[in-house]
Full PDB file with SEQRES, HELIX, SHEET, SSBOND, CRYST1, ORIGX, SCALE, CONECT and MASTER records, all heavy atoms in Angstrom:
SEQRES   1 A   39  GLY ASN THR ASN TYR ALA ASP SER VAL LYS GLY ARG PHE          
SEQRES   2 A   39  THR ILE SER ARG ASP ASN ALA LYS ASN THR VAL TYR LEU          
SEQRES   3 A   39  GLN MET ASN SER LEU LYS PRO GLU ASP THR ALA VAL TYR          
HELIX    1 AA1 ASN A   19  LYS A   21  5                                   3    
HELIX    2 AA2 PRO A   33  ASP A   35  5                                   3    
SHEET    1 AA1 2 PHE A  13  ASP A  18  0                                        
SHEET    2 AA1 2 THR A  23  MET A  28 -1                                        
CRYST1    1.000    1.000    1.000  90.00  90.00  90.00 P 1           1          
ORIGX1      1.000000  0.000000  0.000000        0.00000                         
ORIGX2      0.000000  1.000000  0.000000        0.00000                         
ORIGX3      0.000000  0.000000  1.000000        0.00000                         
SCALE1      1.000000  0.000000  0.000000        0.00000                         
SCALE2      0.000000  1.000000  0.000000        0.00000                         
SCALE3      0.000000  0.000000  1.000000        0.00000                         
ATOM      1  N   GLY A   1      -2.171  -0.200  14.330  1.00  0.00           N  
ATOM      2  CA  GLY A   1      -2.302   1.175  14.790  1.00  0.00           C  
ATOM      3  C   GLY A   1      -1.285   2.142  14.245  1.00  0.00           C  
ATOM      4  O   GLY A   1      -1.520   3.353  14.289  1.00  0.00           O  
ATOM      5  N   ASN A   2      -0.208   1.636  13.693  1.00  0.00           N  
ATOM      6  CA  ASN A   2       0.818   2.526  13.135  1.00  0.00           C  
ATOM      7  C   ASN A   2       1.130   2.090  11.717  1.00  0.00           C  
ATOM      8  O   ASN A   2       1.308   0.904  11.437  1.00  0.00           O  
ATOM      9  CB  ASN A   2       2.094   2.478  13.989  1.00  0.00           C  
ATOM     10  CG  ASN A   2       1.856   3.048  15.386  1.00  0.00           C  
ATOM     11  OD1 ASN A   2       1.646   4.262  15.555  1.00  0.00           O  
ATOM     12  ND2 ASN A   2       1.937   2.214  16.362  1.00  0.00           N  
ATOM     13  N   THR A   3       1.240   3.068  10.885  1.00  0.00           N  
ATOM     14  CA  THR A   3       1.589   2.777   9.466  1.00  0.00           C  
ATOM     15  C   THR A   3       2.677   3.771   8.977  1.00  0.00           C  
ATOM     16  O   THR A   3       2.880   4.830   9.550  1.00  0.00           O  
ATOM     17  CB  THR A   3       0.374   2.904   8.525  1.00  0.00           C  
ATOM     18  OG1 THR A   3      -0.169   4.237   8.648  1.00  0.00           O  
ATOM     19  CG2 THR A   3      -0.683   1.926   8.903  1.00  0.00           C  
ATOM     20  N   ASN A   4       3.361   3.367   7.939  1.00  0.00           N  
ATOM     21  CA  ASN A   4       4.420   4.200   7.353  1.00  0.00           C  
ATOM     22  C   ASN A   4       4.344   4.020   5.846  1.00  0.00           C  
ATOM     23  O   ASN A   4       4.049   2.957   5.347  1.00  0.00           O  
ATOM     24  CB  ASN A   4       5.770   3.837   7.872  1.00  0.00           C  
ATOM     25  CG  ASN A   4       6.886   4.710   7.317  1.00  0.00           C  
ATOM     26  OD1 ASN A   4       6.996   5.855   7.686  1.00  0.00           O  
ATOM     27  ND2 ASN A   4       7.667   4.141   6.366  1.00  0.00           N  
ATOM     28  N   TYR A   5       4.613   5.142   5.078  1.00  0.00           N  
ATOM     29  CA  TYR A   5       4.563   5.149   3.676  1.00  0.00           C  
ATOM     30  C   TYR A   5       5.845   5.805   3.122  1.00  0.00           C  
ATOM     31  O   TYR A   5       6.292   6.826   3.676  1.00  0.00           O  
ATOM     32  CB  TYR A   5       3.344   5.851   3.129  1.00  0.00           C  
ATOM     33  CG  TYR A   5       2.040   5.214   3.502  1.00  0.00           C  
ATOM     34  CD1 TYR A   5       1.356   5.619   4.673  1.00  0.00           C  
ATOM     35  CD2 TYR A   5       1.516   4.200   2.688  1.00  0.00           C  
ATOM     36  CE1 TYR A   5       0.195   5.022   4.997  1.00  0.00           C  
ATOM     37  CE2 TYR A   5       0.301   3.606   3.064  1.00  0.00           C  
ATOM     38  CZ  TYR A   5      -0.371   4.011   4.217  1.00  0.00           C  
ATOM     39  OH  TYR A   5      -1.529   3.394   4.534  1.00  0.00           O  
ATOM     40  N   ALA A   6       6.336   5.266   2.047  1.00  0.00           N  
ATOM     41  CA  ALA A   6       7.384   5.988   1.347  1.00  0.00           C  
ATOM     42  C   ALA A   6       6.800   7.252   0.748  1.00  0.00           C  
ATOM     43  O   ALA A   6       5.619   7.299   0.388  1.00  0.00           O  
ATOM     44  CB  ALA A   6       7.915   5.100   0.156  1.00  0.00           C  
ATOM     45  N   ASP A   7       7.666   8.276   0.646  1.00  0.00           N  
ATOM     46  CA  ASP A   7       7.142   9.578   0.132  1.00  0.00           C  
ATOM     47  C   ASP A   7       6.548   9.430  -1.242  1.00  0.00           C  
ATOM     48  O   ASP A   7       5.612  10.139  -1.612  1.00  0.00           O  
ATOM     49  CB  ASP A   7       8.290  10.610   0.115  1.00  0.00           C  
ATOM     50  CG  ASP A   7       8.726  11.069   1.495  1.00  0.00           C  
ATOM     51  OD1 ASP A   7       7.912  10.906   2.445  1.00  0.00           O  
ATOM     52  OD2 ASP A   7       9.819  11.591   1.599  1.00  0.00           O  
ATOM     53  N   SER A   8       7.097   8.571  -2.068  1.00  0.00           N  
ATOM     54  CA  SER A   8       6.655   8.417  -3.458  1.00  0.00           C  
ATOM     55  C   SER A   8       5.257   7.828  -3.562  1.00  0.00           C  
ATOM     56  O   SER A   8       4.662   7.933  -4.675  1.00  0.00           O  
ATOM     57  CB  SER A   8       7.650   7.504  -4.207  1.00  0.00           C  
ATOM     58  OG  SER A   8       7.707   6.214  -3.585  1.00  0.00           O  
ATOM     59  N   VAL A   9       4.729   7.248  -2.502  1.00  0.00           N  
ATOM     60  CA  VAL A   9       3.394   6.648  -2.585  1.00  0.00           C  
ATOM     61  C   VAL A   9       2.365   7.272  -1.642  1.00  0.00           C  
ATOM     62  O   VAL A   9       1.199   6.886  -1.647  1.00  0.00           O  
ATOM     63  CB  VAL A   9       3.434   5.114  -2.328  1.00  0.00           C  
ATOM     64  CG1 VAL A   9       4.469   4.446  -3.243  1.00  0.00           C  
ATOM     65  CG2 VAL A   9       3.699   4.799  -0.844  1.00  0.00           C  
ATOM     66  N   LYS A  10       2.810   8.185  -0.794  1.00  0.00           N  
ATOM     67  CA  LYS A  10       1.878   8.844   0.113  1.00  0.00           C  
ATOM     68  C   LYS A  10       0.731   9.508  -0.629  1.00  0.00           C  
ATOM     69  O   LYS A  10       0.910  10.147  -1.607  1.00  0.00           O  
ATOM     70  CB  LYS A  10       2.663   9.914   0.948  1.00  0.00           C  
ATOM     71  CG  LYS A  10       3.454   9.366   2.106  1.00  0.00           C  
ATOM     72  CD  LYS A  10       4.133  10.443   2.870  1.00  0.00           C  
ATOM     73  CE  LYS A  10       4.999   9.892   3.979  1.00  0.00           C  
ATOM     74  NZ  LYS A  10       5.702  10.924   4.708  1.00  0.00           N  
ATOM     75  N   GLY A  11      -0.486   9.246  -0.088  1.00  0.00           N  
ATOM     76  CA  GLY A  11      -1.659   9.814  -0.680  1.00  0.00           C  
ATOM     77  C   GLY A  11      -2.239   8.941  -1.786  1.00  0.00           C  
ATOM     78  O   GLY A  11      -3.346   9.252  -2.275  1.00  0.00           O  
ATOM     79  N   ARG A  12      -1.495   7.957  -2.257  1.00  0.00           N  
ATOM     80  CA  ARG A  12      -1.951   7.083  -3.345  1.00  0.00           C  
ATOM     81  C   ARG A  12      -2.159   5.634  -2.873  1.00  0.00           C  
ATOM     82  O   ARG A  12      -3.048   4.937  -3.348  1.00  0.00           O  
ATOM     83  CB  ARG A  12      -0.995   7.083  -4.493  1.00  0.00           C  
ATOM     84  CG  ARG A  12      -0.746   8.490  -5.104  1.00  0.00           C  
ATOM     85  CD  ARG A  12       0.100   8.379  -6.355  1.00  0.00           C  
ATOM     86  NE  ARG A  12       1.446   7.855  -6.115  1.00  0.00           N  
ATOM     87  CZ  ARG A  12       1.927   6.765  -6.708  1.00  0.00           C  
ATOM     88  NH1 ARG A  12       1.198   6.068  -7.591  1.00  0.00           N  
ATOM     89  NH2 ARG A  12       3.190   6.358  -6.461  1.00  0.00           N  
ATOM     90  N   PHE A  13      -1.282   5.189  -1.922  1.00  0.00           N  
ATOM     91  CA  PHE A  13      -1.379   3.801  -1.453  1.00  0.00           C  
ATOM     92  C   PHE A  13      -1.901   3.776  -0.044  1.00  0.00           C  
ATOM     93  O   PHE A  13      -1.629   4.705   0.710  1.00  0.00           O  
ATOM     94  CB  PHE A  13       0.031   3.193  -1.534  1.00  0.00           C  
ATOM     95  CG  PHE A  13       0.583   2.908  -2.844  1.00  0.00           C  
ATOM     96  CD1 PHE A  13       0.047   3.405  -4.017  1.00  0.00           C  
ATOM     97  CD2 PHE A  13       1.763   2.119  -2.967  1.00  0.00           C  
ATOM     98  CE1 PHE A  13       0.560   3.140  -5.219  1.00  0.00           C  
ATOM     99  CE2 PHE A  13       2.312   1.853  -4.191  1.00  0.00           C  
ATOM    100  CZ  PHE A  13       1.707   2.332  -5.384  1.00  0.00           C  
ATOM    101  N   THR A  14      -2.594   2.691   0.308  1.00  0.00           N  
ATOM    102  CA  THR A  14      -3.089   2.533   1.651  1.00  0.00           C  
ATOM    103  C   THR A  14      -2.846   1.086   2.085  1.00  0.00           C  
ATOM    104  O   THR A  14      -3.229   0.148   1.372  1.00  0.00           O  
ATOM    105  CB  THR A  14      -4.579   2.784   1.745  1.00  0.00           C  
ATOM    106  OG1 THR A  14      -4.824   4.148   1.303  1.00  0.00           O  
ATOM    107  CG2 THR A  14      -5.094   2.665   3.195  1.00  0.00           C  
ATOM    108  N   ILE A  15      -2.146   0.915   3.270  1.00  0.00           N  
ATOM    109  CA  ILE A  15      -1.962  -0.407   3.811  1.00  0.00           C  
ATOM    110  C   ILE A  15      -3.000  -0.686   4.897  1.00  0.00           C  
ATOM    111  O   ILE A  15      -3.387   0.215   5.627  1.00  0.00           O  
ATOM    112  CB  ILE A  15      -0.519  -0.511   4.367  1.00  0.00           C  
ATOM    113  CG1 ILE A  15      -0.191  -1.965   4.687  1.00  0.00           C  
ATOM    114  CG2 ILE A  15      -0.291   0.370   5.558  1.00  0.00           C  
ATOM    115  CD1 ILE A  15       1.287  -2.203   4.987  1.00  0.00           C  
ATOM    116  N   SER A  16      -3.464  -1.911   4.958  1.00  0.00           N  
ATOM    117  CA  SER A  16      -4.417  -2.285   5.994  1.00  0.00           C  
ATOM    118  C   SER A  16      -4.262  -3.719   6.263  1.00  0.00           C  
ATOM    119  O   SER A  16      -3.610  -4.478   5.525  1.00  0.00           O  
ATOM    120  CB  SER A  16      -5.861  -1.976   5.531  1.00  0.00           C  
ATOM    121  OG  SER A  16      -6.192  -2.736   4.401  1.00  0.00           O  
ATOM    122  N   ARG A  17      -4.797  -4.170   7.375  1.00  0.00           N  
ATOM    123  CA  ARG A  17      -4.712  -5.579   7.741  1.00  0.00           C  
ATOM    124  C   ARG A  17      -5.987  -6.053   8.319  1.00  0.00           C  
ATOM    125  O   ARG A  17      -6.701  -5.329   9.016  1.00  0.00           O  
ATOM    126  CB  ARG A  17      -3.539  -5.808   8.723  1.00  0.00           C  
ATOM    127  CG  ARG A  17      -3.621  -5.125  10.031  1.00  0.00           C  
ATOM    128  CD  ARG A  17      -2.277  -5.234  10.762  1.00  0.00           C  
ATOM    129  NE  ARG A  17      -1.962  -6.597  11.113  1.00  0.00           N  
ATOM    130  CZ  ARG A  17      -0.714  -7.010  11.301  1.00  0.00           C  
ATOM    131  NH1 ARG A  17       0.311  -6.168  11.247  1.00  0.00           N  
ATOM    132  NH2 ARG A  17      -0.469  -8.287  11.664  1.00  0.00           N  
ATOM    133  N   ASP A  18      -6.326  -7.324   8.047  1.00  0.00           N  
ATOM    134  CA  ASP A  18      -7.491  -7.997   8.605  1.00  0.00           C  
ATOM    135  C   ASP A  18      -6.954  -9.258   9.267  1.00  0.00           C  
ATOM    136  O   ASP A  18      -6.722 -10.281   8.670  1.00  0.00           O  
ATOM    137  CB  ASP A  18      -8.500  -8.348   7.508  1.00  0.00           C  
ATOM    138  CG  ASP A  18      -9.778  -8.940   8.055  1.00  0.00           C  
ATOM    139  OD1 ASP A  18      -9.766  -9.453   9.176  1.00  0.00           O  
ATOM    140  OD2 ASP A  18     -10.742  -8.946   7.348  1.00  0.00           O  
ATOM    141  N   ASN A  19      -6.708  -9.084  10.602  1.00  0.00           N  
ATOM    142  CA  ASN A  19      -6.080 -10.188  11.296  1.00  0.00           C  
ATOM    143  C   ASN A  19      -6.941 -11.444  11.340  1.00  0.00           C  
ATOM    144  O   ASN A  19      -6.421 -12.574  11.408  1.00  0.00           O  
ATOM    145  CB  ASN A  19      -5.686  -9.741  12.719  1.00  0.00           C  
ATOM    146  CG  ASN A  19      -4.501  -8.786  12.724  1.00  0.00           C  
ATOM    147  OD1 ASN A  19      -3.763  -8.714  11.760  1.00  0.00           O  
ATOM    148  ND2 ASN A  19      -4.348  -8.087  13.841  1.00  0.00           N  
ATOM    149  N   ALA A  20      -8.267 -11.282  11.301  1.00  0.00           N  
ATOM    150  CA  ALA A  20      -9.152 -12.415  11.293  1.00  0.00           C  
ATOM    151  C   ALA A  20      -9.002 -13.221  10.034  1.00  0.00           C  
ATOM    152  O   ALA A  20      -9.304 -14.472  10.038  1.00  0.00           O  
ATOM    153  CB  ALA A  20     -10.599 -11.938  11.477  1.00  0.00           C  
ATOM    154  N   LYS A  21      -8.600 -12.592   8.954  1.00  0.00           N  
ATOM    155  CA  LYS A  21      -8.428 -13.270   7.695  1.00  0.00           C  
ATOM    156  C   LYS A  21      -6.978 -13.538   7.382  1.00  0.00           C  
ATOM    157  O   LYS A  21      -6.621 -14.009   6.303  1.00  0.00           O  
ATOM    158  CB  LYS A  21      -9.051 -12.421   6.499  1.00  0.00           C  
ATOM    159  CG  LYS A  21     -10.506 -12.309   6.604  1.00  0.00           C  
ATOM    160  CD  LYS A  21     -11.042 -11.526   5.371  1.00  0.00           C  
ATOM    161  CE  LYS A  21     -12.576 -11.471   5.452  1.00  0.00           C  
ATOM    162  NZ  LYS A  21     -13.117 -10.694   4.265  1.00  0.00           N  
ATOM    163  N   ASN A  22      -6.071 -13.213   8.360  1.00  0.00           N  
ATOM    164  CA  ASN A  22      -4.656 -13.452   8.140  1.00  0.00           C  
ATOM    165  C   ASN A  22      -4.132 -12.763   6.900  1.00  0.00           C  
ATOM    166  O   ASN A  22      -3.268 -13.308   6.195  1.00  0.00           O  
ATOM    167  CB  ASN A  22      -4.291 -14.911   8.142  1.00  0.00           C  
ATOM    168  CG  ASN A  22      -4.057 -15.441   9.518  1.00  0.00           C  
ATOM    169  OD1 ASN A  22      -4.266 -14.775  10.516  1.00  0.00           O  
ATOM    170  ND2 ASN A  22      -3.579 -16.670   9.612  1.00  0.00           N  
ATOM    171  N   THR A  23      -4.665 -11.587   6.608  1.00  0.00           N  
ATOM    172  CA  THR A  23      -4.352 -10.942   5.319  1.00  0.00           C  
ATOM    173  C   THR A  23      -3.961  -9.478   5.532  1.00  0.00           C  
ATOM    174  O   THR A  23      -4.648  -8.781   6.322  1.00  0.00           O  
ATOM    175  CB  THR A  23      -5.503 -11.049   4.341  1.00  0.00           C  
ATOM    176  OG1 THR A  23      -5.860 -12.399   4.158  1.00  0.00           O  
ATOM    177  CG2 THR A  23      -5.155 -10.385   2.995  1.00  0.00           C  
ATOM    178  N   VAL A  24      -2.961  -9.044   4.836  1.00  0.00           N  
ATOM    179  CA  VAL A  24      -2.620  -7.610   4.764  1.00  0.00           C  
ATOM    180  C   VAL A  24      -2.762  -7.139   3.365  1.00  0.00           C  
ATOM    181  O   VAL A  24      -2.404  -7.852   2.387  1.00  0.00           O  
ATOM    182  CB  VAL A  24      -1.118  -7.372   5.242  1.00  0.00           C  
ATOM    183  CG1 VAL A  24      -0.694  -5.943   5.019  1.00  0.00           C  
ATOM    184  CG2 VAL A  24      -0.985  -7.800   6.647  1.00  0.00           C  
ATOM    185  N   TYR A  25      -3.363  -5.953   3.167  1.00  0.00           N  
ATOM    186  CA  TYR A  25      -3.635  -5.435   1.873  1.00  0.00           C  
ATOM    187  C   TYR A  25      -2.832  -4.168   1.549  1.00  0.00           C  
ATOM    188  O   TYR A  25      -2.419  -3.443   2.494  1.00  0.00           O  
ATOM    189  CB  TYR A  25      -5.136  -5.045   1.775  1.00  0.00           C  
ATOM    190  CG  TYR A  25      -6.062  -6.155   2.086  1.00  0.00           C  
ATOM    191  CD1 TYR A  25      -6.677  -6.304   3.343  1.00  0.00           C  
ATOM    192  CD2 TYR A  25      -6.377  -7.115   1.117  1.00  0.00           C  
ATOM    193  CE1 TYR A  25      -7.557  -7.281   3.639  1.00  0.00           C  
ATOM    194  CE2 TYR A  25      -7.292  -8.140   1.390  1.00  0.00           C  
ATOM    195  CZ  TYR A  25      -7.838  -8.245   2.665  1.00  0.00           C  
ATOM    196  OH  TYR A  25      -8.709  -9.237   2.934  1.00  0.00           O  
ATOM    197  N   LEU A  26      -2.569  -3.978   0.262  1.00  0.00           N  
ATOM    198  CA  LEU A  26      -2.018  -2.710  -0.193  1.00  0.00           C  
ATOM    199  C   LEU A  26      -2.850  -2.215  -1.335  1.00  0.00           C  
ATOM    200  O   LEU A  26      -2.873  -2.798  -2.404  1.00  0.00           O  
ATOM    201  CB  LEU A  26      -0.564  -2.867  -0.654  1.00  0.00           C  
ATOM    202  CG  LEU A  26       0.148  -1.573  -1.029  1.00  0.00           C  
ATOM    203  CD1 LEU A  26       0.395  -0.718   0.219  1.00  0.00           C  
ATOM    204  CD2 LEU A  26       1.470  -1.876  -1.732  1.00  0.00           C  
ATOM    205  N   GLN A  27      -3.700  -1.231  -0.993  1.00  0.00           N  
ATOM    206  CA  GLN A  27      -4.538  -0.575  -2.015  1.00  0.00           C  
ATOM    207  C   GLN A  27      -3.681   0.452  -2.732  1.00  0.00           C  
ATOM    208  O   GLN A  27      -3.174   1.363  -2.100  1.00  0.00           O  
ATOM    209  CB  GLN A  27      -5.751   0.063  -1.388  1.00  0.00           C  
ATOM    210  CG  GLN A  27      -6.645   0.759  -2.386  1.00  0.00           C  
ATOM    211  CD  GLN A  27      -7.355  -0.174  -3.406  1.00  0.00           C  
ATOM    212  OE1 GLN A  27      -7.797  -1.262  -2.997  1.00  0.00           O  
ATOM    213  NE2 GLN A  27      -7.345   0.171  -4.629  1.00  0.00           N  
ATOM    214  N   MET A  28      -3.585   0.317  -4.091  1.00  0.00           N  
ATOM    215  CA  MET A  28      -2.757   1.207  -4.851  1.00  0.00           C  
ATOM    216  C   MET A  28      -3.651   1.948  -5.855  1.00  0.00           C  
ATOM    217  O   MET A  28      -4.209   1.327  -6.747  1.00  0.00           O  
ATOM    218  CB  MET A  28      -1.652   0.415  -5.553  1.00  0.00           C  
ATOM    219  CG  MET A  28      -0.806  -0.466  -4.667  1.00  0.00           C  
ATOM    220  SD  MET A  28       0.619  -1.212  -5.468  1.00  0.00           S  
ATOM    221  CE  MET A  28      -0.248  -2.257  -6.600  1.00  0.00           C  
ATOM    222  N   ASN A  29      -3.723   3.214  -5.712  1.00  0.00           N  
ATOM    223  CA  ASN A  29      -4.510   4.061  -6.591  1.00  0.00           C  
ATOM    224  C   ASN A  29      -3.611   5.018  -7.365  1.00  0.00           C  
ATOM    225  O   ASN A  29      -2.451   5.239  -7.003  1.00  0.00           O  
ATOM    226  CB  ASN A  29      -5.539   4.872  -5.798  1.00  0.00           C  
ATOM    227  CG  ASN A  29      -6.518   3.968  -5.068  1.00  0.00           C  
ATOM    228  OD1 ASN A  29      -6.872   2.942  -5.510  1.00  0.00           O  
ATOM    229  ND2 ASN A  29      -6.986   4.444  -3.879  1.00  0.00           N  
ATOM    230  N   SER A  30      -4.137   5.579  -8.430  1.00  0.00           N  
ATOM    231  CA  SER A  30      -3.401   6.605  -9.241  1.00  0.00           C  
ATOM    232  C   SER A  30      -2.034   6.061  -9.592  1.00  0.00           C  
ATOM    233  O   SER A  30      -1.028   6.742  -9.462  1.00  0.00           O  
ATOM    234  CB  SER A  30      -3.287   7.893  -8.500  1.00  0.00           C  
ATOM    235  OG  SER A  30      -4.530   8.411  -8.117  1.00  0.00           O  
ATOM    236  N   LEU A  31      -1.997   4.839 -10.076  1.00  0.00           N  
ATOM    237  CA  LEU A  31      -0.691   4.213 -10.367  1.00  0.00           C  
ATOM    238  C   LEU A  31       0.040   4.941 -11.463  1.00  0.00           C  
ATOM    239  O   LEU A  31      -0.542   5.419 -12.437  1.00  0.00           O  
ATOM    240  CB  LEU A  31      -0.924   2.731 -10.692  1.00  0.00           C  
ATOM    241  CG  LEU A  31      -1.145   1.854  -9.484  1.00  0.00           C  
ATOM    242  CD1 LEU A  31      -1.850   0.546  -9.863  1.00  0.00           C  
ATOM    243  CD2 LEU A  31       0.109   1.578  -8.748  1.00  0.00           C  
ATOM    244  N   LYS A  32       1.374   4.887 -11.352  1.00  0.00           N  
ATOM    245  CA  LYS A  32       2.262   5.584 -12.321  1.00  0.00           C  
ATOM    246  C   LYS A  32       3.218   4.528 -12.895  1.00  0.00           C  
ATOM    247  O   LYS A  32       3.465   3.485 -12.265  1.00  0.00           O  
ATOM    248  CB  LYS A  32       3.056   6.627 -11.586  1.00  0.00           C  
ATOM    249  CG  LYS A  32       2.233   7.669 -10.879  1.00  0.00           C  
ATOM    250  CD  LYS A  32       3.151   8.634 -10.134  1.00  0.00           C  
ATOM    251  CE  LYS A  32       2.367   9.687  -9.365  1.00  0.00           C  
ATOM    252  NZ  LYS A  32       3.218  10.626  -8.601  1.00  0.00           N  
ATOM    253  N   PRO A  33       3.746   4.785 -14.066  1.00  0.00           N  
ATOM    254  CA  PRO A  33       4.725   3.799 -14.631  1.00  0.00           C  
ATOM    255  C   PRO A  33       5.868   3.525 -13.702  1.00  0.00           C  
ATOM    256  O   PRO A  33       6.367   2.385 -13.698  1.00  0.00           O  
ATOM    257  CB  PRO A  33       5.150   4.514 -15.886  1.00  0.00           C  
ATOM    258  CG  PRO A  33       3.997   5.337 -16.329  1.00  0.00           C  
ATOM    259  CD  PRO A  33       3.382   5.837 -15.031  1.00  0.00           C  
ATOM    260  N   GLU A  34       6.281   4.508 -12.885  1.00  0.00           N  
ATOM    261  CA  GLU A  34       7.413   4.276 -11.985  1.00  0.00           C  
ATOM    262  C   GLU A  34       7.012   3.367 -10.792  1.00  0.00           C  
ATOM    263  O   GLU A  34       7.901   3.048 -10.027  1.00  0.00           O  
ATOM    264  CB  GLU A  34       7.941   5.617 -11.482  1.00  0.00           C  
ATOM    265  CG  GLU A  34       6.922   6.545 -10.908  1.00  0.00           C  
ATOM    266  CD  GLU A  34       6.459   7.623 -11.937  1.00  0.00           C  
ATOM    267  OE1 GLU A  34       6.222   7.231 -13.128  1.00  0.00           O  
ATOM    268  OE2 GLU A  34       6.343   8.814 -11.555  1.00  0.00           O  
ATOM    269  N   ASP A  35       5.793   3.027 -10.699  1.00  0.00           N  
ATOM    270  CA  ASP A  35       5.369   2.042  -9.644  1.00  0.00           C  
ATOM    271  C   ASP A  35       5.593   0.580 -10.150  1.00  0.00           C  
ATOM    272  O   ASP A  35       5.445  -0.342  -9.373  1.00  0.00           O  
ATOM    273  CB  ASP A  35       3.858   2.188  -9.298  1.00  0.00           C  
ATOM    274  CG  ASP A  35       3.601   3.504  -8.621  1.00  0.00           C  
ATOM    275  OD1 ASP A  35       4.399   3.948  -7.739  1.00  0.00           O  
ATOM    276  OD2 ASP A  35       2.574   4.157  -8.966  1.00  0.00           O  
ATOM    277  N   THR A  36       5.991   0.421 -11.382  1.00  0.00           N  
ATOM    278  CA  THR A  36       6.210  -0.900 -11.940  1.00  0.00           C  
ATOM    279  C   THR A  36       7.387  -1.532 -11.208  1.00  0.00           C  
ATOM    280  O   THR A  36       8.476  -1.008 -11.070  1.00  0.00           O  
ATOM    281  CB  THR A  36       6.572  -0.806 -13.425  1.00  0.00           C  
ATOM    282  OG1 THR A  36       5.444  -0.304 -14.133  1.00  0.00           O  
ATOM    283  CG2 THR A  36       7.009  -2.153 -13.996  1.00  0.00           C  
ATOM    284  N   ALA A  37       7.108  -2.766 -10.683  1.00  0.00           N  
ATOM    285  CA  ALA A  37       8.059  -3.460  -9.863  1.00  0.00           C  
ATOM    286  C   ALA A  37       7.499  -4.802  -9.439  1.00  0.00           C  
ATOM    287  O   ALA A  37       6.303  -5.051  -9.626  1.00  0.00           O  
ATOM    288  CB  ALA A  37       8.493  -2.679  -8.637  1.00  0.00           C  
ATOM    289  N   VAL A  38       8.358  -5.638  -8.885  1.00  0.00           N  
ATOM    290  CA  VAL A  38       7.848  -6.806  -8.176  1.00  0.00           C  
ATOM    291  C   VAL A  38       7.621  -6.413  -6.713  1.00  0.00           C  
ATOM    292  O   VAL A  38       8.483  -5.758  -6.127  1.00  0.00           O  
ATOM    293  CB  VAL A  38       8.823  -8.011  -8.242  1.00  0.00           C  
ATOM    294  CG1 VAL A  38       8.343  -9.164  -7.430  1.00  0.00           C  
ATOM    295  CG2 VAL A  38       9.128  -8.419  -9.676  1.00  0.00           C  
ATOM    296  N   TYR A  39       6.456  -6.686  -6.210  1.00  0.00           N  
ATOM    297  CA  TYR A  39       6.072  -6.288  -4.854  1.00  0.00           C  
ATOM    298  C   TYR A  39       6.092  -7.496  -3.961  1.00  0.00           C  
ATOM    299  O   TYR A  39       5.557  -8.586  -4.306  1.00  0.00           O  
ATOM    300  CB  TYR A  39       4.669  -5.676  -4.859  1.00  0.00           C  
ATOM    301  CG  TYR A  39       4.613  -4.247  -5.414  1.00  0.00           C  
ATOM    302  CD1 TYR A  39       4.828  -3.966  -6.742  1.00  0.00           C  
ATOM    303  CD2 TYR A  39       4.419  -3.208  -4.575  1.00  0.00           C  
ATOM    304  CE1 TYR A  39       4.869  -2.711  -7.245  1.00  0.00           C  
ATOM    305  CE2 TYR A  39       4.395  -1.862  -5.056  1.00  0.00           C  
ATOM    306  CZ  TYR A  39       4.630  -1.656  -6.376  1.00  0.00           C  
ATOM    307  OH  TYR A  39       4.647  -0.367  -6.878  1.00  0.00           O  
TER     308      TYR A  39                                                      
MASTER        0    0    0    2    2    0    0    6  307    1    0    3          
END                                                                             
């Protein structure tokens, strides 16, 4: 019910969870070179 985003990813990334599948997702759109990292 509550989510938080870093300012640098607001409007581009979306976090969600499917508890039935024991999985959390991070949808990342409009990716930029500065998003390069180990997640």
